[in-house]
Amino acid sequence: MKIDKSPTQSKKFLAYLVSEISTKALMAWLVTHIGTLDIYETSLLLGMIISSSCLTIGYVLGQVALDKYMSAAVDILDKDEEKVKKESK
């Protein structure tokens, strides 16, 4: 039983990638097109950086947990298949 697929085939990964690219582009635009940063623009930029970082960490940790769960489930199912094959012989 093989479950591996490339990241570009995952809808979650593509949505995450679009979100990250748009957030980074908006942050770059804020930094380059605003001459002086007042408290509102600084707080907006800081909020974007913090939320983007939290989402990135959450996505990566979620994928790690999912991969561990899937590998454990595959191992259990493979052991069950081997057990059934041995009993049928």
C-alpha atoms as a PDB file:
ATOM      1  CA  MET A   1       0.000   0.000   0.000  1.00  0.00           C
ATOM      2  CA  LYS A   2       1.654   3.202  -1.193  1.00  0.00           C
ATOM      3  CA  ILE A   3       0.235   6.618  -0.272  1.00  0.00           C
ATOM      4  CA  ASP A   4       3.093   8.941  -1.257  1.00  0.00           C
ATOM      5  CA  LYS A   5       2.286  11.718  -3.711  1.00  0.00           C
ATOM      6  CA  SER A   6       4.084  14.885  -4.679  1.00  0.00           C
ATOM      7  CA  PRO A   7       3.259  18.150  -2.854  1.00  0.00           C
ATOM      8  CA  THR A   8       1.972  19.807  -6.029  1.00  0.00           C
ATOM      9  CA  GLN A   9      -0.833  17.225  -6.228  1.00  0.00           C
ATOM     10  CA  SER A  10      -2.159  18.261  -2.814  1.00  0.00           C
ATOM     11  CA  LYS A  11      -4.952  20.848  -2.803  1.00  0.00           C
ATOM     12  CA  LYS A  12      -4.057  21.886   0.744  1.00  0.00           C
ATOM     13  CA  PHE A  13      -0.462  22.558  -0.256  1.00  0.00           C
ATOM     14  CA  LEU A  14      -1.479  24.616  -3.285  1.00  0.00           C
ATOM     15  CA  ALA A  15      -3.891  26.694  -1.185  1.00  0.00           C
ATOM     16  CA  TYR A  16      -1.150  27.221   1.395  1.00  0.00           C
ATOM     17  CA  LEU A  17       1.311  28.205  -1.327  1.00  0.00           C
ATOM     18  CA  VAL A  18      -1.072  30.778  -2.839  1.00  0.00           C
ATOM     19  CA  SER A  19      -1.742  32.203   0.619  1.00  0.00           C
ATOM     20  CA  GLU A  20       1.961  32.483   1.430  1.00  0.00           C
ATOM     21  CA  ILE A  21       2.846  34.087  -1.903  1.00  0.00           C
ATOM     22  CA  SER A  22       0.045  36.659  -1.657  1.00  0.00           C
ATOM     23  CA  THR A  23       0.904  37.519   1.952  1.00  0.00           C
ATOM     24  CA  LYS A  24       4.599  37.912   1.150  1.00  0.00           C
ATOM     25  CA  ALA A  25       3.794  40.029  -1.921  1.00  0.00           C
ATOM     26  CA  LEU A  26       1.576  42.332   0.146  1.00  0.00           C
ATOM     27  CA  MET A  27       4.279  42.669   2.811  1.00  0.00           C
ATOM     28  CA  ALA A  28       6.872  43.487   0.141  1.00  0.00           C
ATOM     29  CA  TRP A  29       4.544  46.090  -1.366  1.00  0.00           C
ATOM     30  CA  LEU A  30       3.986  47.664   2.066  1.00  0.00           C
ATOM     31  CA  VAL A  31       7.709  47.911   2.722  1.00  0.00           C
ATOM     32  CA  THR A  32       8.657  49.286  -0.711  1.00  0.00           C
ATOM     33  CA  HIS A  33       5.767  51.670  -1.469  1.00  0.00           C
ATOM     34  CA  ILE A  34       5.277  53.348   1.862  1.00  0.00           C
ATOM     35  CA  GLY A  35       7.855  56.039   2.502  1.00  0.00           C
ATOM     36  CA  THR A  36       7.537  56.373   6.234  1.00  0.00           C
ATOM     37  CA  LEU A  37       5.888  53.763   8.379  1.00  0.00           C
ATOM     38  CA  ASP A  38       3.522  55.152  10.970  1.00  0.00           C
ATOM     39  CA  ILE A  39       2.061  53.113  13.821  1.00  0.00           C
ATOM     40  CA  TYR A  40      -0.881  51.785  11.750  1.00  0.00           C
ATOM     41  CA  GLU A  41       1.234  50.473   8.880  1.00  0.00           C
ATOM     42  CA  THR A  42       3.814  49.065  11.275  1.00  0.00           C
ATOM     43  CA  SER A  43       1.160  47.246  13.278  1.00  0.00           C
ATOM     44  CA  LEU A  44      -0.434  45.917  10.077  1.00  0.00           C
ATOM     45  CA  LEU A  45       2.922  44.657   8.827  1.00  0.00           C
ATOM     46  CA  LEU A  46       3.768  43.111  12.184  1.00  0.00           C
ATOM     47  CA  GLY A  47       0.360  41.422  12.352  1.00  0.00           C
ATOM     48  CA  MET A  48       0.811  40.009   8.852  1.00  0.00           C
ATOM     49  CA  ILE A  49       4.245  38.647   9.699  1.00  0.00           C
ATOM     50  CA  ILE A  50       3.042  37.040  12.935  1.00  0.00           C
ATOM     51  CA  SER A  51      -0.076  35.492  11.391  1.00  0.00           C
ATOM     52  CA  SER A  52       1.862  34.253   8.365  1.00  0.00           C
ATOM     53  CA  SER A  53       4.478  32.673  10.601  1.00  0.00           C
ATOM     54  CA  CYS A  54       1.840  31.015  12.797  1.00  0.00           C
ATOM     55  CA  LEU A  55       0.014  29.629   9.771  1.00  0.00           C
ATOM     56  CA  THR A  56       3.263  28.294   8.332  1.00  0.00           C
ATOM     57  CA  ILE A  57       4.196  26.577  11.586  1.00  0.00           C
ATOM     58  CA  GLY A  58       0.674  25.191  11.983  1.00  0.00           C
ATOM     59  CA  TYR A  59       0.619  23.842   8.437  1.00  0.00           C
ATOM     60  CA  VAL A  60       4.002  22.156   8.749  1.00  0.00           C
ATOM     61  CA  LEU A  61       3.198  20.627  12.142  1.00  0.00           C
ATOM     62  CA  GLY A  62      -0.176  19.440  10.866  1.00  0.00           C
ATOM     63  CA  GLN A  63       1.437  17.757   7.881  1.00  0.00           C
ATOM     64  CA  VAL A  64       4.022  16.081  10.117  1.00  0.00           C
ATOM     65  CA  ALA A  65       1.294  14.750  12.410  1.00  0.00           C
ATOM     66  CA  LEU A  66      -0.732  13.529   9.443  1.00  0.00           C
ATOM     67  CA  ASP A  67       2.294  11.789   7.930  1.00  0.00           C
ATOM     68  CA  LYS A  68       3.071  10.047  11.235  1.00  0.00           C
ATOM     69  CA  TYR A  69      -0.559   8.947  11.576  1.00  0.00           C
ATOM     70  CA  MET A  70      -0.683   7.654   8.002  1.00  0.00           C
ATOM     71  CA  SER A  71       2.584   5.738   8.318  1.00  0.00           C
ATOM     72  CA  ALA A  72       1.361   4.134  11.557  1.00  0.00           C
ATOM     73  CA  ALA A  73      -1.944   3.195   9.918  1.00  0.00           C
ATOM     74  CA  VAL A  74      -0.151   1.726   6.894  1.00  0.00           C
ATOM     75  CA  ASP A  75       2.138  -0.319   9.151  1.00  0.00           C
ATOM     76  CA  ILE A  76      -0.836  -1.680  11.099  1.00  0.00           C
ATOM     77  CA  LEU A  77      -2.724  -2.559   7.919  1.00  0.00           C
ATOM     78  CA  ASP A  78       0.341  -4.224   6.401  1.00  0.00           C
ATOM     79  CA  LYS A  79       0.818  -6.339   9.541  1.00  0.00           C
ATOM     80  CA  ASP A  80      -2.841  -7.359   9.404  1.00  0.00           C
ATOM     81  CA  GLU A  81      -2.504  -8.374   5.749  1.00  0.00           C
ATOM     82  CA  GLU A  82       0.589 -10.471   6.552  1.00  0.00           C
ATOM     83  CA  LYS A  83      -1.244 -12.121   9.440  1.00  0.00           C
ATOM     84  CA  VAL A  84      -4.225 -13.005   7.212  1.00  0.00           C
ATOM     85  CA  LYS A  85      -1.903 -14.420   4.530  1.00  0.00           C
ATOM     86  CA  LYS A  86      -0.095 -16.607   7.084  1.00  0.00           C
ATOM     87  CA  GLU A  87      -3.375 -17.896   8.532  1.00  0.00           C
ATOM     88  CA  SER A  88      -4.771 -18.762   5.092  1.00  0.00           C
ATOM     89  CA  LYS A  89      -1.742 -20.921   4.204  1.00  0.00           C
END
